[in-house]
PDB file of N, CA and C in Angstrom:
ATOM      1  N   MET A   1      59.060 -15.004 -50.953  1.00  0.00           N
ATOM      2  CA  MET A   1      57.944 -15.718 -50.356  1.00  0.00           C
ATOM      3  C   MET A   1      56.949 -16.072 -51.463  1.00  0.00           C
ATOM      4  N   GLN A   2      56.502 -17.309 -51.454  1.00  0.00           N
ATOM      5  CA  GLN A   2      55.522 -17.737 -52.433  1.00  0.00           C
ATOM      6  C   GLN A   2      54.135 -17.320 -51.989  1.00  0.00           C
ATOM      7  N   LEU A   3      53.349 -16.927 -52.951  1.00  0.00           N
ATOM      8  CA  LEU A   3      51.971 -16.584 -52.638  1.00  0.00           C
ATOM      9  C   LEU A   3      51.125 -17.848 -52.585  1.00  0.00           C
ATOM     10  N   GLY A   4      50.129 -17.837 -51.717  1.00  0.00           N
ATOM     11  CA  GLY A   4      49.212 -18.956 -51.630  1.00  0.00           C
ATOM     12  C   GLY A   4      49.602 -20.000 -50.597  1.00  0.00           C
ATOM     13  N   ILE A   5      50.782 -19.898 -50.023  1.00  0.00           N
ATOM     14  CA  ILE A   5      51.206 -20.845 -48.999  1.00  0.00           C
ATOM     15  C   ILE A   5      50.967 -20.213 -47.634  1.00  0.00           C
ATOM     16  N   MET A   6      50.299 -20.947 -46.779  1.00  0.00           N
ATOM     17  CA  MET A   6      50.005 -20.448 -45.430  1.00  0.00           C
ATOM     18  C   MET A   6      51.293 -20.432 -44.609  1.00  0.00           C
ATOM     19  N   PRO A   7      51.733 -19.249 -44.168  1.00  0.00           N
ATOM     20  CA  PRO A   7      52.977 -19.180 -43.392  1.00  0.00           C
ATOM     21  C   PRO A   7      52.771 -19.696 -41.968  1.00  0.00           C
ATOM     22  N   ALA A   8      53.693 -20.523 -41.523  1.00  0.00           N
ATOM     23  CA  ALA A   8      53.620 -21.076 -40.168  1.00  0.00           C
ATOM     24  C   ALA A   8      54.272 -20.115 -39.187  1.00  0.00           C
ATOM     25  N   LEU A   9      53.895 -20.243 -37.961  1.00  0.00           N
ATOM     26  CA  LEU A   9      54.470 -19.437 -36.892  1.00  0.00           C
ATOM     27  C   LEU A   9      55.803 -20.048 -36.491  1.00  0.00           C
ATOM     28  N   ARG A  10      56.853 -19.241 -36.490  1.00  0.00           N
ATOM     29  CA  ARG A  10      58.173 -19.710 -36.068  1.00  0.00           C
ATOM     30  C   ARG A  10      58.439 -19.166 -34.672  1.00  0.00           C
ATOM     31  N   LEU A  11      58.658 -20.109 -33.749  1.00  0.00           N
ATOM     32  CA  LEU A  11      58.851 -19.738 -32.355  1.00  0.00           C
ATOM     33  C   LEU A  11      59.792 -20.744 -31.714  1.00  0.00           C
ATOM     34  N   LEU A  12      60.810 -20.257 -31.026  1.00  0.00           N
ATOM     35  CA  LEU A  12      61.803 -21.093 -30.345  1.00  0.00           C
ATOM     36  C   LEU A  12      62.504 -22.047 -31.313  1.00  0.00           C
ATOM     37  N   GLY A  13      62.753 -21.570 -32.527  1.00  0.00           N
ATOM     38  CA  GLY A  13      63.462 -22.366 -33.514  1.00  0.00           C
ATOM     39  C   GLY A  13      62.639 -23.468 -34.149  1.00  0.00           C
ATOM     40  N   ARG A  14      61.351 -23.476 -33.912  1.00  0.00           N
ATOM     41  CA  ARG A  14      60.473 -24.510 -34.462  1.00  0.00           C
ATOM     42  C   ARG A  14      59.408 -23.868 -35.341  1.00  0.00           C
ATOM     43  N   LYS A  15      58.876 -24.669 -36.225  1.00  0.00           N
ATOM     44  CA  LYS A  15      57.790 -24.235 -37.092  1.00  0.00           C
ATOM     45  C   LYS A  15      56.507 -24.860 -36.554  1.00  0.00           C
ATOM     46  N   TRP A  16      55.554 -24.024 -36.159  1.00  0.00           N
ATOM     47  CA  TRP A  16      54.324 -24.500 -35.539  1.00  0.00           C
ATOM     48  C   TRP A  16      53.212 -24.566 -36.570  1.00  0.00           C
ATOM     49  N   LEU A  17      52.213 -25.393 -36.325  1.00  0.00           N
ATOM     50  CA  LEU A  17      51.107 -25.563 -37.266  1.00  0.00           C
ATOM     51  C   LEU A  17      50.100 -24.420 -37.209  1.00  0.00           C
ATOM     52  N   ALA A  18      50.278 -23.517 -36.296  1.00  0.00           N
ATOM     53  CA  ALA A  18      49.408 -22.340 -36.209  1.00  0.00           C
ATOM     54  C   ALA A  18      50.098 -21.165 -36.899  1.00  0.00           C
ATOM     55  N   ALA A  19      49.320 -20.309 -37.480  1.00  0.00           N
ATOM     56  CA  ALA A  19      49.863 -19.107 -38.104  1.00  0.00           C
ATOM     57  C   ALA A  19      49.719 -17.937 -37.142  1.00  0.00           C
ATOM     58  N   SER A  20      50.452 -16.871 -37.421  1.00  0.00           N
ATOM     59  CA  SER A  20      50.422 -15.722 -36.513  1.00  0.00           C
ATOM     60  C   SER A  20      49.101 -14.963 -36.576  1.00  0.00           C
ATOM     61  N   ASP A  21      48.282 -15.225 -37.595  1.00  0.00           N
ATOM     62  CA  ASP A  21      46.984 -14.552 -37.673  1.00  0.00           C
ATOM     63  C   ASP A  21      45.880 -15.349 -36.974  1.00  0.00           C
ATOM     64  N   ASP A  22      46.201 -16.509 -36.420  1.00  0.00           N
ATOM     65  CA  ASP A  22      45.212 -17.350 -35.740  1.00  0.00           C
ATOM     66  C   ASP A  22      44.996 -16.964 -34.283  1.00  0.00           C
ATOM     67  N   LEU A  23      45.667 -15.952 -33.805  1.00  0.00           N
ATOM     68  CA  LEU A  23      45.658 -15.656 -32.373  1.00  0.00           C
ATOM     69  C   LEU A  23      44.738 -14.506 -31.977  1.00  0.00           C
ATOM     70  N   VAL A  24      43.972 -13.977 -32.899  1.00  0.00           N
ATOM     71  CA  VAL A  24      43.120 -12.822 -32.589  1.00  0.00           C
ATOM     72  C   VAL A  24      42.020 -13.203 -31.604  1.00  0.00           C
ATOM     73  N   PHE A  25      41.198 -14.163 -31.969  1.00  0.00           N
ATOM     74  CA  PHE A  25      40.057 -14.517 -31.116  1.00  0.00           C
ATOM     75  C   PHE A  25      40.465 -15.218 -29.822  1.00  0.00           C
ATOM     76  N   PRO A  26      41.460 -16.115 -29.836  1.00  0.00           N
ATOM     77  CA  PRO A  26      41.904 -16.656 -28.541  1.00  0.00           C
ATOM     78  C   PRO A  26      42.439 -15.578 -27.598  1.00  0.00           C
ATOM     79  N   SER A  27      43.134 -14.589 -28.149  1.00  0.00           N
ATOM     80  CA  SER A  27      43.654 -13.501 -27.307  1.00  0.00           C
ATOM     81  C   SER A  27      42.524 -12.661 -26.731  1.00  0.00           C
ATOM     82  N   ILE A  28      41.522 -12.375 -27.544  1.00  0.00           N
ATOM     83  CA  ILE A  28      40.387 -11.584 -27.059  1.00  0.00           C
ATOM     84  C   ILE A  28      39.616 -12.355 -25.991  1.00  0.00           C
ATOM     85  N   PHE A  29      39.409 -13.660 -26.215  1.00  0.00           N
ATOM     86  CA  PHE A  29      38.706 -14.480 -25.229  1.00  0.00           C
ATOM     87  C   PHE A  29      39.478 -14.519 -23.911  1.00  0.00           C
ATOM     88  N   GLU A  30      40.796 -14.730 -24.000  1.00  0.00           N
ATOM     89  CA  GLU A  30      41.602 -14.761 -22.777  1.00  0.00           C
ATOM     90  C   GLU A  30      41.644 -13.392 -22.110  1.00  0.00           C
ATOM     91  N   LEU A  31      41.627 -12.327 -22.892  1.00  0.00           N
ATOM     92  CA  LEU A  31      41.602 -10.976 -22.335  1.00  0.00           C
ATOM     93  C   LEU A  31      40.332 -10.748 -21.522  1.00  0.00           C
ATOM     94  N   LEU A  32      39.197 -11.183 -22.043  1.00  0.00           N
ATOM     95  CA  LEU A  32      37.941 -11.054 -21.295  1.00  0.00           C
ATOM     96  C   LEU A  32      37.966 -11.899 -20.022  1.00  0.00           C
ATOM     97  N   PHE A  33      38.484 -13.110 -20.123  1.00  0.00           N
ATOM     98  CA  PHE A  33      38.596 -13.985 -18.961  1.00  0.00           C
ATOM     99  C   PHE A  33      39.491 -13.355 -17.897  1.00  0.00           C
ATOM    100  N   ARG A  34      40.624 -12.807 -18.312  1.00  0.00           N
ATOM    101  CA  ARG A  34      41.550 -12.183 -17.355  1.00  0.00           C
ATOM    102  C   ARG A  34      40.973 -10.898 -16.767  1.00  0.00           C
ATOM    103  N   PHE A  35      40.129 -10.195 -17.518  1.00  0.00           N
ATOM    104  CA  PHE A  35      39.481  -9.005 -16.973  1.00  0.00           C
ATOM    105  C   PHE A  35      38.552  -9.379 -15.825  1.00  0.00           C
ATOM    106  N   VAL A  36      37.762 -10.431 -16.021  1.00  0.00           N
ATOM    107  CA  VAL A  36      36.885 -10.903 -14.937  1.00  0.00           C
ATOM    108  C   VAL A  36      37.726 -11.331 -13.743  1.00  0.00           C
ATOM    109  N   TRP A  37      38.807 -12.036 -14.007  1.00  0.00           N
ATOM    110  CA  TRP A  37      39.706 -12.484 -12.945  1.00  0.00           C
ATOM    111  C   TRP A  37      40.317 -11.281 -12.213  1.00  0.00           C
ATOM    112  N   LEU A  38      40.693 -10.245 -12.950  1.00  0.00           N
ATOM    113  CA  LEU A  38      41.265  -9.041 -12.346  1.00  0.00           C
ATOM    114  C   LEU A  38      40.251  -8.348 -11.448  1.00  0.00           C
ATOM    115  N   VAL A  39      39.008  -8.281 -11.877  1.00  0.00           N
ATOM    116  CA  VAL A  39      37.961  -7.661 -11.054  1.00  0.00           C
ATOM    117  C   VAL A  39      37.760  -8.453  -9.771  1.00  0.00           C
ATOM    118  N   LEU A  40      37.728  -9.776  -9.873  1.00  0.00           N
ATOM    119  CA  LEU A  40      37.560 -10.601  -8.674  1.00  0.00           C
ATOM    120  C   LEU A  40      38.737 -10.450  -7.711  1.00  0.00           C
ATOM    121  N   ILE A  41      39.944 -10.414  -8.246  1.00  0.00           N
ATOM    122  CA  ILE A  41      41.122 -10.223  -7.391  1.00  0.00           C
ATOM    123  C   ILE A  41      41.092  -8.838  -6.758  1.00  0.00           C
ATOM    124  N   ALA A  42      40.658  -7.832  -7.507  1.00  0.00           N
ATOM    125  CA  ALA A  42      40.567  -6.480  -6.948  1.00  0.00           C
ATOM    126  C   ALA A  42      39.568  -6.426  -5.798  1.00  0.00           C
ATOM    127  N   LEU A  43      38.476  -7.166  -5.913  1.00  0.00           N
ATOM    128  CA  LEU A  43      37.511  -7.223  -4.808  1.00  0.00           C
ATOM    129  C   LEU A  43      38.117  -7.896  -3.578  1.00  0.00           C
ATOM    130  N   VAL A  44      38.879  -8.952  -3.788  1.00  0.00           N
ATOM    131  CA  VAL A  44      39.551  -9.621  -2.669  1.00  0.00           C
ATOM    132  C   VAL A  44      40.559  -8.683  -2.023  1.00  0.00           C
ATOM    133  N   VAL A  45      41.303  -7.947  -2.835  1.00  0.00           N
ATOM    134  CA  VAL A  45      42.276  -6.990  -2.293  1.00  0.00           C
ATOM    135  C   VAL A  45      41.560  -5.906  -1.497  1.00  0.00           C
ATOM    136  N   GLU A  46      40.441  -5.441  -2.007  1.00  0.00           N
ATOM    137  CA  GLU A  46      39.674  -4.402  -1.307  1.00  0.00           C
ATOM    138  C   GLU A  46      39.240  -4.874   0.076  1.00  0.00           C
ATOM    139  N   VAL A  47      38.872  -6.133   0.186  1.00  0.00           N
ATOM    140  CA  VAL A  47      38.390  -6.663   1.464  1.00  0.00           C
ATOM    141  C   VAL A  47      39.547  -7.056   2.382  1.00  0.00           C
ATOM    142  N   LEU A  48      40.559  -7.736   1.846  1.00  0.00           N
ATOM    143  CA  LEU A  48      41.596  -8.326   2.691  1.00  0.00           C
ATOM    144  C   LEU A  48      42.789  -7.423   2.976  1.00  0.00           C
ATOM    145  N   TYR A  49      43.101  -6.483   2.098  1.00  0.00           N
ATOM    146  CA  TYR A  49      44.307  -5.677   2.291  1.00  0.00           C
ATOM    147  C   TYR A  49      44.304  -4.925   3.622  1.00  0.00           C
ATOM    148  N   PRO A  50      43.215  -4.257   4.018  1.00  0.00           N
ATOM    149  CA  PRO A  50      43.234  -3.575   5.326  1.00  0.00           C
ATOM    150  C   PRO A  50      43.355  -4.547   6.504  1.00  0.00           C
ATOM    151  N   VAL A  51      42.840  -5.758   6.350  1.00  0.00           N
ATOM    152  CA  VAL A  51      42.887  -6.738   7.436  1.00  0.00           C
ATOM    153  C   VAL A  51      44.311  -7.228   7.671  1.00  0.00           C
ATOM    154  N   THR A  52      45.141  -7.244   6.628  1.00  0.00           N
ATOM    155  CA  THR A  52      46.504  -7.765   6.773  1.00  0.00           C
ATOM    156  C   THR A  52      47.362  -6.895   7.679  1.00  0.00           C
ATOM    157  N   TRP A  53      46.998  -5.652   7.877  1.00  0.00           N
ATOM    158  CA  TRP A  53      47.768  -4.777   8.766  1.00  0.00           C
ATOM    159  C   TRP A  53      47.511  -5.107  10.233  1.00  0.00           C
ATOM    160  N   GLN A  54      46.494  -5.901  10.507  1.00  0.00           N
ATOM    161  CA  GLN A  54      46.181  -6.262  11.887  1.00  0.00           C
ATOM    162  C   GLN A  54      46.917  -7.518  12.353  1.00  0.00           C
ATOM    163  N   CYS A  55      47.691  -8.156  11.476  1.00  0.00           N
ATOM    164  CA  CYS A  55      48.434  -9.361  11.863  1.00  0.00           C
ATOM    165  C   CYS A  55      49.483  -8.999  12.908  1.00  0.00           C
ATOM    166  N   GLN A  56      49.610  -9.835  13.929  1.00  0.00           N
ATOM    167  CA  GLN A  56      50.532  -9.571  15.029  1.00  0.00           C
ATOM    168  C   GLN A  56      51.949 -10.060  14.739  1.00  0.00           C
ATOM    169  N   SER A  57      52.126 -10.999  13.852  1.00  0.00           N
ATOM    170  CA  SER A  57      53.451 -11.552  13.558  1.00  0.00           C
ATOM    171  C   SER A  57      54.279 -10.544  12.779  1.00  0.00           C
ATOM    172  N   GLU A  58      55.590 -10.641  12.952  1.00  0.00           N
ATOM    173  CA  GLU A  58      56.519  -9.745  12.262  1.00  0.00           C
ATOM    174  C   GLU A  58      57.037 -10.403  10.986  1.00  0.00           C
ATOM    175  N   GLY A  59      57.461  -9.605  10.049  1.00  0.00           N
ATOM    176  CA  GLY A  59      58.104 -10.097   8.834  1.00  0.00           C
ATOM    177  C   GLY A  59      57.154 -10.846   7.925  1.00  0.00           C
ATOM    178  N   TRP A  60      57.712 -11.881   7.264  1.00  0.00           N
ATOM    179  CA  TRP A  60      56.953 -12.633   6.280  1.00  0.00           C
ATOM    180  C   TRP A  60      55.947 -13.586   6.906  1.00  0.00           C
ATOM    181  N   GLN A  61      55.993 -13.770   8.217  1.00  0.00           N
ATOM    182  CA  GLN A  61      55.017 -14.633   8.881  1.00  0.00           C
ATOM    183  C   GLN A  61      53.679 -13.920   9.057  1.00  0.00           C
ATOM    184  N   GLY A  62      53.696 -12.610   8.988  1.00  0.00           N
ATOM    185  CA  GLY A  62      52.476 -11.837   9.191  1.00  0.00           C
ATOM    186  C   GLY A  62      51.797 -11.484   7.891  1.00  0.00           C
ATOM    187  N   GLY A  63      51.279 -10.275   7.840  1.00  0.00           N
ATOM    188  CA  GLY A  63      50.500  -9.858   6.688  1.00  0.00           C
ATOM    189  C   GLY A  63      51.321  -9.363   5.521  1.00  0.00           C
ATOM    190  N   ALA A  64      52.645  -9.217   5.703  1.00  0.00           N
ATOM    191  CA  ALA A  64      53.471  -8.695   4.617  1.00  0.00           C
ATOM    192  C   ALA A  64      53.457  -9.631   3.406  1.00  0.00           C
ATOM    193  N   PHE A  65      53.509 -10.928   3.656  1.00  0.00           N
ATOM    194  CA  PHE A  65      53.496 -11.884   2.555  1.00  0.00           C
ATOM    195  C   PHE A  65      52.159 -11.843   1.815  1.00  0.00           C
ATOM    196  N   VAL A  66      51.079 -11.720   2.553  1.00  0.00           N
ATOM    197  CA  VAL A  66      49.751 -11.660   1.927  1.00  0.00           C
ATOM    198  C   VAL A  66      49.623 -10.387   1.096  1.00  0.00           C
ATOM    199  N   ARG A  67      50.104  -9.266   1.620  1.00  0.00           N
ATOM    200  CA  ARG A  67      50.056  -8.003   0.870  1.00  0.00           C
ATOM    201  C   ARG A  67      50.880  -8.103  -0.409  1.00  0.00           C
ATOM    202  N   LEU A  68      52.076  -8.694  -0.301  1.00  0.00           N
ATOM    203  CA  LEU A  68      52.924  -8.859  -1.478  1.00  0.00           C
ATOM    204  C   LEU A  68      52.242  -9.746  -2.515  1.00  0.00           C
ATOM    205  N   TYR A  69      51.651 -10.839  -2.065  1.00  0.00           N
ATOM    206  CA  TYR A  69      50.969 -11.757  -2.980  1.00  0.00           C
ATOM    207  C   TYR A  69      49.801 -11.066  -3.688  1.00  0.00           C
ATOM    208  N   LEU A  70      48.991 -10.343  -2.946  1.00  0.00           N
ATOM    209  CA  LEU A  70      47.829  -9.675  -3.540  1.00  0.00           C
ATOM    210  C   LEU A  70      48.250  -8.623  -4.559  1.00  0.00           C
ATOM    211  N   CYS A  71      49.240  -7.817  -4.212  1.00  0.00           N
ATOM    212  CA  CYS A  71      49.699  -6.767  -5.134  1.00  0.00           C
ATOM    213  C   CYS A  71      50.383  -7.366  -6.364  1.00  0.00           C
ATOM    214  N   ALA A  72      51.177  -8.420  -6.162  1.00  0.00           N
ATOM    215  CA  ALA A  72      51.853  -9.062  -7.292  1.00  0.00           C
ATOM    216  C   ALA A  72      50.849  -9.724  -8.229  1.00  0.00           C
ATOM    217  N   THR A  73      49.810 -10.320  -7.680  1.00  0.00           N
ATOM    218  CA  THR A  73      48.790 -10.951  -8.511  1.00  0.00           C
ATOM    219  C   THR A  73      48.056  -9.912  -9.354  1.00  0.00           C
ATOM    220  N   LEU A  74      47.708  -8.796  -8.750  1.00  0.00           N
ATOM    221  CA  LEU A  74      47.061  -7.717  -9.515  1.00  0.00           C
ATOM    222  C   LEU A  74      47.977  -7.197 -10.618  1.00  0.00           C
ATOM    223  N   THR A  75      49.243  -7.006 -10.294  1.00  0.00           N
ATOM    224  CA  THR A  75      50.200  -6.486 -11.265  1.00  0.00           C
ATOM    225  C   THR A  75      50.391  -7.456 -12.428  1.00  0.00           C
ATOM    226  N   LEU A  76      50.534  -8.741 -12.120  1.00  0.00           N
ATOM    227  CA  LEU A  76      50.710  -9.731 -13.182  1.00  0.00           C
ATOM    228  C   LEU A  76      49.484  -9.831 -14.085  1.00  0.00           C
ATOM    229  N   GLN A  77      48.307  -9.782 -13.503  1.00  0.00           N
ATOM    230  CA  GLN A  77      47.087  -9.840 -14.315  1.00  0.00           C
ATOM    231  C   GLN A  77      46.998  -8.625 -15.245  1.00  0.00           C
ATOM    232  N   ALA A  78      47.316  -7.449 -14.721  1.00  0.00           N
ATOM    233  CA  ALA A  78      47.270  -6.236 -15.548  1.00  0.00           C
ATOM    234  C   ALA A  78      48.311  -6.300 -16.667  1.00  0.00           C
ATOM    235  N   ALA A  79      49.519  -6.772 -16.359  1.00  0.00           N
ATOM    236  CA  ALA A  79      50.565  -6.884 -17.379  1.00  0.00           C
ATOM    237  C   ALA A  79      50.174  -7.899 -18.452  1.00  0.00           C
ATOM    238  N   LEU A  80      49.603  -9.021 -18.049  1.00  0.00           N
ATOM    239  CA  LEU A  80      49.163 -10.020 -19.021  1.00  0.00           C
ATOM    240  C   LEU A  80      48.029  -9.491 -19.893  1.00  0.00           C
ATOM    241  N   MET A  81      47.163  -8.674 -19.328  1.00  0.00           N
ATOM    242  CA  MET A  81      46.092  -8.084 -20.127  1.00  0.00           C
ATOM    243  C   MET A  81      46.658  -7.141 -21.187  1.00  0.00           C
ATOM    244  N   LEU A  82      47.675  -6.370 -20.835  1.00  0.00           N
ATOM    245  CA  LEU A  82      48.317  -5.496 -21.820  1.00  0.00           C
ATOM    246  C   LEU A  82      48.987  -6.312 -22.924  1.00  0.00           C
ATOM    247  N   LEU A  83      49.669  -7.388 -22.544  1.00  0.00           N
ATOM    248  CA  LEU A  83      50.301  -8.248 -23.540  1.00  0.00           C
ATOM    249  C   LEU A  83      49.271  -8.899 -24.463  1.00  0.00           C
ATOM    250  N   LEU A  84      48.157  -9.334 -23.907  1.00  0.00           N
ATOM    251  CA  LEU A  84      47.117  -9.958 -24.728  1.00  0.00           C
ATOM    252  C   LEU A  84      46.483  -8.961 -25.690  1.00  0.00           C
ATOM    253  N   ALA A  85      46.293  -7.731 -25.242  1.00  0.00           N
ATOM    254  CA  ALA A  85      45.749  -6.708 -26.135  1.00  0.00           C
ATOM    255  C   ALA A  85      46.725  -6.426 -27.277  1.00  0.00           C
ATOM    256  N   ALA A  86      48.012  -6.315 -26.960  1.00  0.00           N
ATOM    257  CA  ALA A  86      49.018  -6.095 -27.999  1.00  0.00           C
ATOM    258  C   ALA A  86      49.093  -7.287 -28.946  1.00  0.00           C
ATOM    259  N   LEU A  87      48.983  -8.500 -28.412  1.00  0.00           N
ATOM    260  CA  LEU A  87      49.021  -9.704 -29.242  1.00  0.00           C
ATOM    261  C   LEU A  87      47.820  -9.763 -30.184  1.00  0.00           C
ATOM    262  N   ALA A  88      46.643  -9.418 -29.690  1.00  0.00           N
ATOM    263  CA  ALA A  88      45.451  -9.419 -30.541  1.00  0.00           C
ATOM    264  C   ALA A  88      45.572  -8.368 -31.642  1.00  0.00           C
ATOM    265  N   LEU A  89      46.087  -7.192 -31.305  1.00  0.00           N
ATOM    266  CA  LEU A  89      46.249  -6.137 -32.314  1.00  0.00           C
ATOM    267  C   LEU A  89      47.280  -6.528 -33.371  1.00  0.00           C
ATOM    268  N   GLN A  90      48.407  -7.089 -32.941  1.00  0.00           N
ATOM    269  CA  GLN A  90      49.443  -7.491 -33.893  1.00  0.00           C
ATOM    270  C   GLN A  90      48.982  -8.651 -34.771  1.00  0.00           C
ATOM    271  N   SER A  91      48.255  -9.577 -34.180  1.00  0.00           N
ATOM    272  CA  SER A  91      47.797 -10.744 -34.927  1.00  0.00           C
ATOM    273  C   SER A  91      46.722 -10.380 -35.953  1.00  0.00           C
ATOM    274  N   ALA A  92      46.028  -9.287 -35.744  1.00  0.00           N
ATOM    275  CA  ALA A  92      44.963  -8.869 -36.657  1.00  0.00           C
ATOM    276  C   ALA A  92      45.479  -8.048 -37.836  1.00  0.00           C
ATOM    277  N   LYS A  93      46.747  -7.724 -37.863  1.00  0.00           N
ATOM    278  CA  LYS A  93      47.291  -6.881 -38.931  1.00  0.00           C
ATOM    279  C   LYS A  93      47.544  -7.674 -40.209  1.00  0.00           C
ATOM    280  N   GLY A  94      47.387  -7.004 -41.321  1.00  0.00           N
ATOM    281  CA  GLY A  94      47.756  -7.557 -42.616  1.00  0.00           C
ATOM    282  C   GLY A  94      46.828  -8.637 -43.135  1.00  0.00           C
ATOM    283  N   THR A  95      47.219  -9.182 -44.291  1.00  0.00           N
ATOM    284  CA  THR A  95      46.464 -10.286 -44.878  1.00  0.00           C
ATOM    285  C   THR A  95      47.024 -11.610 -44.362  1.00  0.00           C
ATOM    286  N   ILE A  96      46.433 -12.705 -44.804  1.00  0.00           N
ATOM    287  CA  ILE A  96      46.841 -14.020 -44.303  1.00  0.00           C
ATOM    288  C   ILE A  96      48.311 -14.311 -44.597  1.00  0.00           C
ATOM    289  N   THR A  97      48.761 -14.017 -45.795  1.00  0.00           N
ATOM    290  CA  THR A  97      50.143 -14.331 -46.167  1.00  0.00           C
ATOM    291  C   THR A  97      51.122 -13.207 -45.871  1.00  0.00           C
ATOM    292  N   ASP A  98      50.677 -12.108 -45.361  1.00  0.00           N
ATOM    293  CA  ASP A  98      51.546 -10.968 -45.053  1.00  0.00           C
ATOM    294  C   ASP A  98      52.128 -11.127 -43.651  1.00  0.00           C
ATOM    295  N   ILE A  99      53.237 -11.858 -43.560  1.00  0.00           N
ATOM    296  CA  ILE A  99      53.818 -12.124 -42.243  1.00  0.00           C
ATOM    297  C   ILE A  99      54.647 -10.949 -41.731  1.00  0.00           C
ATOM    298  N   ASP A 100      55.043 -10.044 -42.619  1.00  0.00           N
ATOM    299  CA  ASP A 100      55.822  -8.888 -42.175  1.00  0.00           C
ATOM    300  C   ASP A 100      54.992  -7.949 -41.308  1.00  0.00           C
ATOM    301  N   ALA A 101      53.701  -7.885 -41.554  1.00  0.00           N
ATOM    302  CA  ALA A 101      52.833  -7.023 -40.746  1.00  0.00           C
ATOM    303  C   ALA A 101      52.670  -7.566 -39.330  1.00  0.00           C
ATOM    304  N   ARG A 102      52.883  -8.874 -39.166  1.00  0.00           N
ATOM    305  CA  ARG A 102      52.717  -9.511 -37.855  1.00  0.00           C
ATOM    306  C   ARG A 102      54.045  -9.996 -37.287  1.00  0.00           C
ATOM    307  N   LYS A 103      55.124  -9.298 -37.568  1.00  0.00           N
ATOM    308  CA  LYS A 103      56.444  -9.760 -37.128  1.00  0.00           C
ATOM    309  C   LYS A 103      56.628  -9.683 -35.612  1.00  0.00           C
ATOM    310  N   MET A 104      55.802  -8.925 -34.910  1.00  0.00           N
ATOM    311  CA  MET A 104      55.929  -8.805 -33.454  1.00  0.00           C
ATOM    312  C   MET A 104      55.148  -9.877 -32.692  1.00  0.00           C
ATOM    313  N   VAL A 105      54.443 -10.756 -33.388  1.00  0.00           N
ATOM    314  CA  VAL A 105      53.647 -11.789 -32.711  1.00  0.00           C
ATOM    315  C   VAL A 105      54.550 -12.770 -31.964  1.00  0.00           C
ATOM    316  N   SER A 106      55.618 -13.227 -32.601  1.00  0.00           N
ATOM    317  CA  SER A 106      56.523 -14.179 -31.938  1.00  0.00           C
ATOM    318  C   SER A 106      57.171 -13.600 -30.685  1.00  0.00           C
ATOM    319  N   PRO A 107      57.725 -12.378 -30.731  1.00  0.00           N
ATOM    320  CA  PRO A 107      58.283 -11.824 -29.486  1.00  0.00           C
ATOM    321  C   PRO A 107      57.242 -11.628 -28.384  1.00  0.00           C
ATOM    322  N   LEU A 108      56.031 -11.243 -28.764  1.00  0.00           N
ATOM    323  CA  LEU A 108      54.981 -11.083 -27.753  1.00  0.00           C
ATOM    324  C   LEU A 108      54.611 -12.417 -27.113  1.00  0.00           C
ATOM    325  N   LEU A 109      54.588 -13.476 -27.910  1.00  0.00           N
ATOM    326  CA  LEU A 109      54.318 -14.803 -27.356  1.00  0.00           C
ATOM    327  C   LEU A 109      55.436 -15.252 -26.428  1.00  0.00           C
ATOM    328  N   LEU A 110      56.666 -14.927 -26.774  1.00  0.00           N
ATOM    329  CA  LEU A 110      57.791 -15.285 -25.905  1.00  0.00           C
ATOM    330  C   LEU A 110      57.727 -14.542 -24.579  1.00  0.00           C
ATOM    331  N   ILE A 111      57.339 -13.285 -24.610  1.00  0.00           N
ATOM    332  CA  ILE A 111      57.225 -12.500 -23.373  1.00  0.00           C
ATOM    333  C   ILE A 111      56.094 -13.038 -22.515  1.00  0.00           C
ATOM    334  N   LYS A 112      54.990 -13.388 -23.150  1.00  0.00           N
ATOM    335  CA  LYS A 112      53.831 -13.904 -22.413  1.00  0.00           C
ATOM    336  C   LYS A 112      54.181 -15.222 -21.763  1.00  0.00           C
TER     337      LYS A 112
END
């Protein structure tokens, strides 16, 4: 590897104009945004989850679909927050040209 050349991010067989160290602040910003979103969804779940048990319809026509949606949304938000925290930590490692320290950035982006 030559010194002084900004390494590009390689993802899906392509070379992108962003480097793997450019994702620290966007990840932190999105993490804060998703935290607020998670709190709002948790408040909705707190209010609506008990009400869904009062639905008279059976199966997916009743409250089961709403309960599944609310729980899945909370789970996805929490999982994305964990991925964003890991992405911010991995992206902050090493120096600008030290791509070996940030080798997990591409797989984390693929999972996200």
